[in-house]
PDB file of N, CA and C in Angstrom:
ATOM      1  N   MET A   1     -55.875 -17.510  16.647  1.00  0.00           N
ATOM      2  CA  MET A   1     -54.897 -16.612  16.060  1.00  0.00           C
ATOM      3  C   MET A   1     -55.101 -16.461  14.556  1.00  0.00           C
ATOM      4  N   LYS A   2     -56.019 -17.225  13.982  1.00  0.00           N
ATOM      5  CA  LYS A   2     -56.216 -17.155  12.534  1.00  0.00           C
ATOM      6  C   LYS A   2     -56.841 -15.814  12.163  1.00  0.00           C
ATOM      7  N   GLY A   3     -56.245 -15.143  11.204  1.00  0.00           N
ATOM      8  CA  GLY A   3     -56.772 -13.864  10.751  1.00  0.00           C
ATOM      9  C   GLY A   3     -56.281 -12.676  11.547  1.00  0.00           C
ATOM     10  N   ILE A   4     -55.408 -12.887  12.536  1.00  0.00           N
ATOM     11  CA  ILE A   4     -54.890 -11.790  13.348  1.00  0.00           C
ATOM     12  C   ILE A   4     -53.512 -11.417  12.814  1.00  0.00           C
ATOM     13  N   MET A   5     -53.260 -10.129  12.683  1.00  0.00           N
ATOM     14  CA  MET A   5     -51.974  -9.689  12.169  1.00  0.00           C
ATOM     15  C   MET A   5     -50.895  -9.900  13.215  1.00  0.00           C
ATOM     16  N   SER A   6     -49.791 -10.479  12.801  1.00  0.00           N
ATOM     17  CA  SER A   6     -48.643 -10.624  13.673  1.00  0.00           C
ATOM     18  C   SER A   6     -47.533  -9.730  13.150  1.00  0.00           C
ATOM     19  N   PHE A   7     -46.409  -9.712  13.833  1.00  0.00           N
ATOM     20  CA  PHE A   7     -45.297  -8.883  13.395  1.00  0.00           C
ATOM     21  C   PHE A   7     -44.738  -9.419  12.098  1.00  0.00           C
ATOM     22  N   GLY A   8     -44.453  -8.530  11.181  1.00  0.00           N
ATOM     23  CA  GLY A   8     -43.755  -8.917   9.961  1.00  0.00           C
ATOM     24  C   GLY A   8     -44.588  -9.751   9.028  1.00  0.00           C
ATOM     25  N   ARG A   9     -43.918 -10.634   8.316  1.00  0.00           N
ATOM     26  CA  ARG A   9     -44.558 -11.419   7.273  1.00  0.00           C
ATOM     27  C   ARG A   9     -45.129 -12.705   7.822  1.00  0.00           C
ATOM     28  N   LYS A  10     -45.956 -13.359   6.994  1.00  0.00           N
ATOM     29  CA  LYS A  10     -46.501 -14.654   7.354  1.00  0.00           C
ATOM     30  C   LYS A  10     -45.564 -15.732   6.829  1.00  0.00           C
ATOM     31  N   GLU A  11     -44.453 -15.942   7.470  1.00  0.00           N
ATOM     32  CA  GLU A  11     -43.501 -16.945   7.052  1.00  0.00           C
ATOM     33  C   GLU A  11     -43.290 -17.937   8.176  1.00  0.00           C
ATOM     34  N   LYS A  12     -42.866 -19.110   7.826  1.00  0.00           N
ATOM     35  CA  LYS A  12     -42.614 -20.122   8.837  1.00  0.00           C
ATOM     36  C   LYS A  12     -41.423 -19.739   9.702  1.00  0.00           C
ATOM     37  N   LEU A  13     -40.391 -19.186   9.094  1.00  0.00           N
ATOM     38  CA  LEU A  13     -39.173 -18.861   9.828  1.00  0.00           C
ATOM     39  C   LEU A  13     -39.018 -17.361  10.008  1.00  0.00           C
ATOM     40  N   ARG A  14     -40.055 -16.670  10.407  1.00  0.00           N
ATOM     41  CA  ARG A  14     -39.950 -15.229  10.605  1.00  0.00           C
ATOM     42  C   ARG A  14     -39.139 -14.944  11.868  1.00  0.00           C
ATOM     43  N   PRO A  15     -38.531 -13.773  11.951  1.00  0.00           N
ATOM     44  CA  PRO A  15     -37.742 -13.468  13.140  1.00  0.00           C
ATOM     45  C   PRO A  15     -38.611 -13.403  14.383  1.00  0.00           C
ATOM     46  N   ARG A  16     -38.077 -13.861  15.493  1.00  0.00           N
ATOM     47  CA  ARG A  16     -38.855 -13.911  16.717  1.00  0.00           C
ATOM     48  C   ARG A  16     -39.024 -12.530  17.334  1.00  0.00           C
ATOM     49  N   TYR A  17     -38.004 -11.688  17.259  1.00  0.00           N
ATOM     50  CA  TYR A  17     -38.053 -10.376  17.896  1.00  0.00           C
ATOM     51  C   TYR A  17     -38.036  -9.276  16.852  1.00  0.00           C
ATOM     52  N   THR A  18     -38.834  -8.223  17.076  1.00  0.00           N
ATOM     53  CA  THR A  18     -38.792  -7.016  16.259  1.00  0.00           C
ATOM     54  C   THR A  18     -38.585  -5.855  17.213  1.00  0.00           C
ATOM     55  N   GLY A  19     -38.098  -4.785  16.718  1.00  0.00           N
ATOM     56  CA  GLY A  19     -37.916  -3.650  17.616  1.00  0.00           C
ATOM     57  C   GLY A  19     -36.493  -3.186  17.589  1.00  0.00           C
ATOM     58  N   PRO A  20     -36.024  -2.378  18.414  1.00  0.00           N
ATOM     59  CA  PRO A  20     -36.424  -2.037  19.767  1.00  0.00           C
ATOM     60  C   PRO A  20     -37.462  -0.920  19.794  1.00  0.00           C
ATOM     61  N   TYR A  21     -38.368  -1.018  20.728  1.00  0.00           N
ATOM     62  CA  TYR A  21     -39.388   0.001  20.938  1.00  0.00           C
ATOM     63  C   TYR A  21     -39.366   0.421  22.400  1.00  0.00           C
ATOM     64  N   PRO A  22     -39.531   1.718  22.673  1.00  0.00           N
ATOM     65  CA  PRO A  22     -39.476   2.178  24.068  1.00  0.00           C
ATOM     66  C   PRO A  22     -40.700   1.738  24.869  1.00  0.00           C
ATOM     67  N   ILE A  23     -40.483   1.557  26.159  1.00  0.00           N
ATOM     68  CA  ILE A  23     -41.570   1.184  27.075  1.00  0.00           C
ATOM     69  C   ILE A  23     -42.253   2.463  27.546  1.00  0.00           C
ATOM     70  N   LEU A  24     -43.579   2.528  27.367  1.00  0.00           N
ATOM     71  CA  LEU A  24     -44.341   3.699  27.804  1.00  0.00           C
ATOM     72  C   LEU A  24     -44.745   3.614  29.266  1.00  0.00           C
ATOM     73  N   LYS A  25     -45.207   2.418  29.669  1.00  0.00           N
ATOM     74  CA  LYS A  25     -45.765   2.300  31.013  1.00  0.00           C
ATOM     75  C   LYS A  25     -45.700   0.847  31.469  1.00  0.00           C
ATOM     76  N   ARG A  26     -45.489   0.663  32.754  1.00  0.00           N
ATOM     77  CA  ARG A  26     -45.553  -0.669  33.339  1.00  0.00           C
ATOM     78  C   ARG A  26     -46.993  -0.885  33.810  1.00  0.00           C
ATOM     79  N   ILE A  27     -47.674  -1.863  33.248  1.00  0.00           N
ATOM     80  CA  ILE A  27     -49.083  -2.099  33.557  1.00  0.00           C
ATOM     81  C   ILE A  27     -49.227  -2.859  34.871  1.00  0.00           C
ATOM     82  N   GLU A  28     -48.572  -3.986  34.981  1.00  0.00           N
ATOM     83  CA  GLU A  28     -48.567  -4.765  36.221  1.00  0.00           C
ATOM     84  C   GLU A  28     -47.149  -5.253  36.459  1.00  0.00           C
ATOM     85  N   LEU A  29     -46.997  -6.254  37.293  1.00  0.00           N
ATOM     86  CA  LEU A  29     -45.659  -6.758  37.576  1.00  0.00           C
ATOM     87  C   LEU A  29     -44.997  -7.377  36.350  1.00  0.00           C
ATOM     88  N   VAL A  30     -45.778  -7.955  35.469  1.00  0.00           N
ATOM     89  CA  VAL A  30     -45.202  -8.666  34.329  1.00  0.00           C
ATOM     90  C   VAL A  30     -45.731  -8.179  32.980  1.00  0.00           C
ATOM     91  N   ALA A  31     -46.349  -7.005  32.901  1.00  0.00           N
ATOM     92  CA  ALA A  31     -46.909  -6.501  31.645  1.00  0.00           C
ATOM     93  C   ALA A  31     -46.433  -5.072  31.392  1.00  0.00           C
ATOM     94  N   TYR A  32     -46.099  -4.791  30.134  1.00  0.00           N
ATOM     95  CA  TYR A  32     -45.614  -3.482  29.744  1.00  0.00           C
ATOM     96  C   TYR A  32     -46.338  -3.001  28.491  1.00  0.00           C
ATOM     97  N   ARG A  33     -46.555  -1.671  28.425  1.00  0.00           N
ATOM     98  CA  ARG A  33     -47.131  -1.043  27.231  1.00  0.00           C
ATOM     99  C   ARG A  33     -45.985  -0.424  26.443  1.00  0.00           C
ATOM    100  N   LEU A  34     -45.891  -0.770  25.145  1.00  0.00           N
ATOM    101  CA  LEU A  34     -44.803  -0.296  24.301  1.00  0.00           C
ATOM    102  C   LEU A  34     -45.279   0.785  23.341  1.00  0.00           C
ATOM    103  N   ALA A  35     -44.353   1.618  22.901  1.00  0.00           N
ATOM    104  CA  ALA A  35     -44.630   2.637  21.888  1.00  0.00           C
ATOM    105  C   ALA A  35     -44.300   2.032  20.524  1.00  0.00           C
ATOM    106  N   LEU A  36     -45.311   1.533  19.838  1.00  0.00           N
ATOM    107  CA  LEU A  36     -45.111   0.909  18.522  1.00  0.00           C
ATOM    108  C   LEU A  36     -45.315   1.938  17.420  1.00  0.00           C
ATOM    109  N   PRO A  37     -44.660   1.762  16.265  1.00  0.00           N
ATOM    110  CA  PRO A  37     -44.835   2.705  15.157  1.00  0.00           C
ATOM    111  C   PRO A  37     -46.219   2.560  14.519  1.00  0.00           C
ATOM    112  N   PRO A  38     -46.642   3.528  13.705  1.00  0.00           N
ATOM    113  CA  PRO A  38     -47.967   3.479  13.083  1.00  0.00           C
ATOM    114  C   PRO A  38     -48.188   2.266  12.181  1.00  0.00           C
ATOM    115  N   GLU A  39     -47.111   1.697  11.622  1.00  0.00           N
ATOM    116  CA  GLU A  39     -47.277   0.521  10.756  1.00  0.00           C
ATOM    117  C   GLU A  39     -47.811  -0.675  11.534  1.00  0.00           C
ATOM    118  N   LEU A  40     -47.577  -0.692  12.843  1.00  0.00           N
ATOM    119  CA  LEU A  40     -48.034  -1.793  13.691  1.00  0.00           C
ATOM    120  C   LEU A  40     -49.236  -1.381  14.535  1.00  0.00           C
ATOM    121  N   SER A  41     -50.102  -0.547  13.972  1.00  0.00           N
ATOM    122  CA  SER A  41     -51.239  -0.033  14.734  1.00  0.00           C
ATOM    123  C   SER A  41     -52.275  -1.114  15.044  1.00  0.00           C
ATOM    124  N   SER A  42     -52.296  -2.200  14.270  1.00  0.00           N
ATOM    125  CA  SER A  42     -53.275  -3.247  14.528  1.00  0.00           C
ATOM    126  C   SER A  42     -52.784  -4.272  15.560  1.00  0.00           C
ATOM    127  N   VAL A  43     -51.569  -4.099  16.063  1.00  0.00           N
ATOM    128  CA  VAL A  43     -51.022  -5.002  17.080  1.00  0.00           C
ATOM    129  C   VAL A  43     -51.316  -4.412  18.452  1.00  0.00           C
ATOM    130  N   TYR A  44     -51.729  -5.263  19.394  1.00  0.00           N
ATOM    131  CA  TYR A  44     -52.038  -4.817  20.751  1.00  0.00           C
ATOM    132  C   TYR A  44     -50.772  -4.301  21.419  1.00  0.00           C
ATOM    133  N   LEU A  45     -50.854  -3.208  22.167  1.00  0.00           N
ATOM    134  CA  LEU A  45     -49.688  -2.514  22.698  1.00  0.00           C
ATOM    135  C   LEU A  45     -49.123  -3.104  23.985  1.00  0.00           C
ATOM    136  N   VAL A  46     -49.869  -3.969  24.689  1.00  0.00           N
ATOM    137  CA  VAL A  46     -49.427  -4.503  25.977  1.00  0.00           C
ATOM    138  C   VAL A  46     -48.826  -5.886  25.774  1.00  0.00           C
ATOM    139  N   PHE A  47     -47.613  -6.085  26.328  1.00  0.00           N
ATOM    140  CA  PHE A  47     -46.890  -7.335  26.164  1.00  0.00           C
ATOM    141  C   PHE A  47     -46.458  -7.896  27.512  1.00  0.00           C
ATOM    142  N   HIS A  48     -46.415  -9.220  27.595  1.00  0.00           N
ATOM    143  CA  HIS A  48     -45.919  -9.899  28.777  1.00  0.00           C
ATOM    144  C   HIS A  48     -44.393  -9.853  28.767  1.00  0.00           C
ATOM    145  N   VAL A  49     -43.792  -9.898  29.940  1.00  0.00           N
ATOM    146  CA  VAL A  49     -42.345  -9.842  30.075  1.00  0.00           C
ATOM    147  C   VAL A  49     -41.659 -10.948  29.269  1.00  0.00           C
ATOM    148  N   SER A  50     -42.253 -12.114  29.177  1.00  0.00           N
ATOM    149  CA  SER A  50     -41.641 -13.228  28.468  1.00  0.00           C
ATOM    150  C   SER A  50     -41.544 -12.963  26.963  1.00  0.00           C
ATOM    151  N   MET A  51     -42.316 -12.016  26.434  1.00  0.00           N
ATOM    152  CA  MET A  51     -42.279 -11.690  25.014  1.00  0.00           C
ATOM    153  C   MET A  51     -41.248 -10.600  24.698  1.00  0.00           C
ATOM    154  N   LEU A  52     -40.655 -10.012  25.730  1.00  0.00           N
ATOM    155  CA  LEU A  52     -39.707  -8.920  25.540  1.00  0.00           C
ATOM    156  C   LEU A  52     -38.279  -9.419  25.722  1.00  0.00           C
ATOM    157  N   LYS A  53     -37.355  -8.726  25.100  1.00  0.00           N
ATOM    158  CA  LYS A  53     -35.946  -9.071  25.199  1.00  0.00           C
ATOM    159  C   LYS A  53     -35.182  -7.796  25.516  1.00  0.00           C
ATOM    160  N   GLN A  54     -34.238  -7.861  26.448  1.00  0.00           N
ATOM    161  CA  GLN A  54     -33.469  -6.688  26.821  1.00  0.00           C
ATOM    162  C   GLN A  54     -32.576  -6.271  25.664  1.00  0.00           C
ATOM    163  N   TYR A  55     -32.536  -4.975  25.397  1.00  0.00           N
ATOM    164  CA  TYR A  55     -31.735  -4.451  24.289  1.00  0.00           C
ATOM    165  C   TYR A  55     -30.506  -3.749  24.852  1.00  0.00           C
ATOM    166  N   PHE A  56     -29.332  -4.163  24.394  1.00  0.00           N
ATOM    167  CA  PHE A  56     -28.080  -3.528  24.766  1.00  0.00           C
ATOM    168  C   PHE A  56     -27.658  -2.632  23.619  1.00  0.00           C
ATOM    169  N   HIS A  57     -27.495  -1.333  23.900  1.00  0.00           N
ATOM    170  CA  HIS A  57     -27.201  -0.356  22.850  1.00  0.00           C
ATOM    171  C   HIS A  57     -25.832  -0.609  22.237  1.00  0.00           C
ATOM    172  N   ASP A  58     -25.789  -0.668  20.920  1.00  0.00           N
ATOM    173  CA  ASP A  58     -24.560  -0.832  20.165  1.00  0.00           C
ATOM    174  C   ASP A  58     -24.619   0.159  19.010  1.00  0.00           C
ATOM    175  N   PRO A  59     -23.710   1.141  18.950  1.00  0.00           N
ATOM    176  CA  PRO A  59     -23.775   2.164  17.899  1.00  0.00           C
ATOM    177  C   PRO A  59     -23.662   1.594  16.486  1.00  0.00           C
ATOM    178  N   SER A  60     -23.004   0.451  16.334  1.00  0.00           N
ATOM    179  CA  SER A  60     -22.861  -0.121  14.997  1.00  0.00           C
ATOM    180  C   SER A  60     -24.085  -0.922  14.571  1.00  0.00           C
ATOM    181  N   HIS A  61     -25.021  -1.132  15.485  1.00  0.00           N
ATOM    182  CA  HIS A  61     -26.218  -1.924  15.188  1.00  0.00           C
ATOM    183  C   HIS A  61     -27.280  -1.032  14.549  1.00  0.00           C
ATOM    184  N   VAL A  62     -27.551  -1.246  13.275  1.00  0.00           N
ATOM    185  CA  VAL A  62     -28.545  -0.465  12.544  1.00  0.00           C
ATOM    186  C   VAL A  62     -29.669  -1.401  12.149  1.00  0.00           C
ATOM    187  N   LEU A  63     -30.893  -1.070  12.542  1.00  0.00           N
ATOM    188  CA  LEU A  63     -32.053  -1.890  12.210  1.00  0.00           C
ATOM    189  C   LEU A  63     -32.663  -1.415  10.898  1.00  0.00           C
ATOM    190  N   ASP A  64     -32.965  -2.362  10.031  1.00  0.00           N
ATOM    191  CA  ASP A  64     -33.555  -2.047   8.742  1.00  0.00           C
ATOM    192  C   ASP A  64     -34.918  -2.732   8.659  1.00  0.00           C
ATOM    193  N   ARG A  65     -35.977  -1.950   8.795  1.00  0.00           N
ATOM    194  CA  ARG A  65     -37.322  -2.507   8.678  1.00  0.00           C
ATOM    195  C   ARG A  65     -37.777  -2.387   7.245  1.00  0.00           C
ATOM    196  N   GLN A  66     -38.360  -3.440   6.731  1.00  0.00           N
ATOM    197  CA  GLN A  66     -38.890  -3.410   5.371  1.00  0.00           C
ATOM    198  C   GLN A  66     -40.358  -3.026   5.427  1.00  0.00           C
ATOM    199  N   GLU A  67     -40.742  -2.151   4.512  1.00  0.00           N
ATOM    200  CA  GLU A  67     -42.134  -1.732   4.430  1.00  0.00           C
ATOM    201  C   GLU A  67     -42.915  -2.768   3.633  1.00  0.00           C
ATOM    202  N   ILE A  68     -44.001  -3.276   4.196  1.00  0.00           N
ATOM    203  CA  ILE A  68     -44.843  -4.260   3.534  1.00  0.00           C
ATOM    204  C   ILE A  68     -46.252  -3.704   3.472  1.00  0.00           C
ATOM    205  N   GLU A  69     -46.819  -3.680   2.284  1.00  0.00           N
ATOM    206  CA  GLU A  69     -48.197  -3.214   2.133  1.00  0.00           C
ATOM    207  C   GLU A  69     -49.132  -4.389   2.340  1.00  0.00           C
ATOM    208  N   ILE A  70     -49.975  -4.285   3.365  1.00  0.00           N
ATOM    209  CA  ILE A  70     -50.918  -5.353   3.702  1.00  0.00           C
ATOM    210  C   ILE A  70     -52.296  -4.926   3.246  1.00  0.00           C
ATOM    211  N   GLY A  71     -52.975  -5.814   2.509  1.00  0.00           N
ATOM    212  CA  GLY A  71     -54.299  -5.512   1.981  1.00  0.00           C
ATOM    213  C   GLY A  71     -55.389  -5.597   3.037  1.00  0.00           C
ATOM    214  N   ASP A  72     -56.628  -5.386   2.616  1.00  0.00           N
ATOM    215  CA  ASP A  72     -57.766  -5.431   3.531  1.00  0.00           C
ATOM    216  C   ASP A  72     -57.974  -6.818   4.113  1.00  0.00           C
ATOM    217  N   THR A  73     -57.568  -7.845   3.382  1.00  0.00           N
ATOM    218  CA  THR A  73     -57.754  -9.221   3.850  1.00  0.00           C
ATOM    219  C   THR A  73     -56.519  -9.737   4.582  1.00  0.00           C
ATOM    220  N   LEU A  74     -55.630  -8.804   5.025  1.00  0.00           N
ATOM    221  CA  LEU A  74     -54.394  -9.142   5.735  1.00  0.00           C
ATOM    222  C   LEU A  74     -53.500 -10.069   4.919  1.00  0.00           C
ATOM    223  N   THR A  75     -53.392  -9.795   3.624  1.00  0.00           N
ATOM    224  CA  THR A  75     -52.509 -10.551   2.757  1.00  0.00           C
ATOM    225  C   THR A  75     -51.519  -9.589   2.098  1.00  0.00           C
ATOM    226  N   TYR A  76     -50.447 -10.127   1.595  1.00  0.00           N
ATOM    227  CA  TYR A  76     -49.473  -9.320   0.888  1.00  0.00           C
ATOM    228  C   TYR A  76     -48.902 -10.145  -0.260  1.00  0.00           C
ATOM    229  N   GLU A  77     -48.250  -9.464  -1.203  1.00  0.00           N
ATOM    230  CA  GLU A  77     -47.698 -10.135  -2.369  1.00  0.00           C
ATOM    231  C   GLU A  77     -46.196 -10.284  -2.193  1.00  0.00           C
ATOM    232  N   GLU A  78     -45.703 -11.515  -2.300  1.00  0.00           N
ATOM    233  CA  GLU A  78     -44.267 -11.770  -2.207  1.00  0.00           C
ATOM    234  C   GLU A  78     -43.649 -11.633  -3.588  1.00  0.00           C
ATOM    235  N   VAL A  79     -42.526 -10.948  -3.648  1.00  0.00           N
ATOM    236  CA  VAL A  79     -41.836 -10.743  -4.913  1.00  0.00           C
ATOM    237  C   VAL A  79     -40.477 -11.434  -4.827  1.00  0.00           C
ATOM    238  N   PRO A  80     -40.232 -12.473  -5.638  1.00  0.00           N
ATOM    239  CA  PRO A  80     -38.933 -13.145  -5.594  1.00  0.00           C
ATOM    240  C   PRO A  80     -37.833 -12.263  -6.178  1.00  0.00           C
ATOM    241  N   VAL A  81     -36.645 -12.341  -5.577  1.00  0.00           N
ATOM    242  CA  VAL A  81     -35.513 -11.545  -6.046  1.00  0.00           C
ATOM    243  C   VAL A  81     -34.659 -12.346  -7.020  1.00  0.00           C
ATOM    244  N   ALA A  82     -34.280 -13.557  -6.609  1.00  0.00           N
ATOM    245  CA  ALA A  82     -33.432 -14.375  -7.478  1.00  0.00           C
ATOM    246  C   ALA A  82     -33.578 -15.841  -7.103  1.00  0.00           C
ATOM    247  N   MET A  83     -33.308 -16.722  -8.061  1.00  0.00           N
ATOM    248  CA  MET A  83     -33.298 -18.158  -7.800  1.00  0.00           C
ATOM    249  C   MET A  83     -31.870 -18.566  -7.478  1.00  0.00           C
ATOM    250  N   ILE A  84     -31.675 -19.186  -6.322  1.00  0.00           N
ATOM    251  CA  ILE A  84     -30.337 -19.590  -5.896  1.00  0.00           C
ATOM    252  C   ILE A  84     -29.991 -20.979  -6.420  1.00  0.00           C
ATOM    253  N   ASP A  85     -30.902 -21.909  -6.244  1.00  0.00           N
ATOM    254  CA  ASP A  85     -30.596 -23.299  -6.577  1.00  0.00           C
ATOM    255  C   ASP A  85     -31.861 -23.995  -7.050  1.00  0.00           C
ATOM    256  N   ARG A  86     -31.675 -25.006  -7.900  1.00  0.00           N
ATOM    257  CA  ARG A  86     -32.808 -25.808  -8.373  1.00  0.00           C
ATOM    258  C   ARG A  86     -32.326 -27.237  -8.531  1.00  0.00           C
ATOM    259  N   HIS A  87     -33.061 -28.174  -7.947  1.00  0.00           N
ATOM    260  CA  HIS A  87     -32.708 -29.578  -8.124  1.00  0.00           C
ATOM    261  C   HIS A  87     -33.977 -30.431  -8.098  1.00  0.00           C
ATOM    262  N   VAL A  88     -33.865 -31.638  -8.634  1.00  0.00           N
ATOM    263  CA  VAL A  88     -34.995 -32.551  -8.743  1.00  0.00           C
ATOM    264  C   VAL A  88     -34.706 -33.783  -7.898  1.00  0.00           C
ATOM    265  N   ARG A  89     -35.633 -34.108  -7.006  1.00  0.00           N
ATOM    266  CA  ARG A  89     -35.504 -35.319  -6.200  1.00  0.00           C
ATOM    267  C   ARG A  89     -36.320 -36.423  -6.856  1.00  0.00           C
ATOM    268  N   LYS A  90     -35.730 -37.570  -6.989  1.00  0.00           N
ATOM    269  CA  LYS A  90     -36.412 -38.696  -7.615  1.00  0.00           C
ATOM    270  C   LYS A  90     -36.960 -39.608  -6.534  1.00  0.00           C
ATOM    271  N   LEU A  91     -38.270 -39.758  -6.518  1.00  0.00           N
ATOM    272  CA  LEU A  91     -38.927 -40.691  -5.623  1.00  0.00           C
ATOM    273  C   LEU A  91     -39.195 -41.985  -6.397  1.00  0.00           C
ATOM    274  N   ARG A  92     -39.907 -42.899  -5.797  1.00  0.00           N
ATOM    275  CA  ARG A  92     -40.155 -44.175  -6.473  1.00  0.00           C
ATOM    276  C   ARG A  92     -40.969 -44.012  -7.754  1.00  0.00           C
ATOM    277  N   THR A  93     -42.032 -43.192  -7.666  1.00  0.00           N
ATOM    278  CA  THR A  93     -42.934 -43.087  -8.811  1.00  0.00           C
ATOM    279  C   THR A  93     -42.953 -41.721  -9.481  1.00  0.00           C
ATOM    280  N   LYS A  94     -42.328 -40.719  -8.876  1.00  0.00           N
ATOM    281  CA  LYS A  94     -42.392 -39.394  -9.479  1.00  0.00           C
ATOM    282  C   LYS A  94     -41.138 -38.579  -9.134  1.00  0.00           C
ATOM    283  N   ASP A  95     -40.972 -37.469  -9.854  1.00  0.00           N
ATOM    284  CA  ASP A  95     -39.874 -36.528  -9.630  1.00  0.00           C
ATOM    285  C   ASP A  95     -40.442 -35.261  -9.010  1.00  0.00           C
ATOM    286  N   VAL A  96     -39.763 -34.746  -7.949  1.00  0.00           N
ATOM    287  CA  VAL A  96     -40.213 -33.548  -7.259  1.00  0.00           C
ATOM    288  C   VAL A  96     -39.149 -32.473  -7.441  1.00  0.00           C
ATOM    289  N   ALA A  97     -39.519 -31.336  -8.040  1.00  0.00           N
ATOM    290  CA  ALA A  97     -38.591 -30.232  -8.265  1.00  0.00           C
ATOM    291  C   ALA A  97     -38.596 -29.305  -7.058  1.00  0.00           C
ATOM    292  N   SER A  98     -37.394 -28.891  -6.611  1.00  0.00           N
ATOM    293  CA  SER A  98     -37.246 -27.940  -5.513  1.00  0.00           C
ATOM    294  C   SER A  98     -36.461 -26.734  -5.996  1.00  0.00           C
ATOM    295  N   VAL A  99     -36.901 -25.543  -5.578  1.00  0.00           N
ATOM    296  CA  VAL A  99     -36.250 -24.304  -5.988  1.00  0.00           C
ATOM    297  C   VAL A  99     -36.014 -23.471  -4.750  1.00  0.00           C
ATOM    298  N   LYS A 100     -34.776 -22.913  -4.583  1.00  0.00           N
ATOM    299  CA  LYS A 100     -34.473 -21.991  -3.501  1.00  0.00           C
ATOM    300  C   LYS A 100     -34.534 -20.582  -4.077  1.00  0.00           C
ATOM    301  N   VAL A 101     -35.367 -19.726  -3.451  1.00  0.00           N
ATOM    302  CA  VAL A 101     -35.595 -18.371  -3.960  1.00  0.00           C
ATOM    303  C   VAL A 101     -35.305 -17.359  -2.851  1.00  0.00           C
ATOM    304  N   ILE A 102     -34.648 -16.255  -3.210  1.00  0.00           N
ATOM    305  CA  ILE A 102     -34.440 -15.156  -2.251  1.00  0.00           C
ATOM    306  C   ILE A 102     -35.651 -14.245  -2.346  1.00  0.00           C
TER     307      ILE A 102
END
């Protein structure tokens, strides 16, 4: 999986599900082809049933996708918005600074 583009950003806690995207065709008993937007053109279109989640329509549910520019080497630049918290943990021989950033 190294070097392959996945959905969204390269973060440890990225969201598990993206979408909703319409189903174009049922390939086999457990595989479906989805209609993905052009931004996800490098992602394979066929998914196993276990990777899909049923979507229940809710008019108040508005999805906001963020546009991320991905370079030729499949990297992107993260821009911090604000620092929430900063504290220093004291270990036996050294101090470790931690910063929470949005």
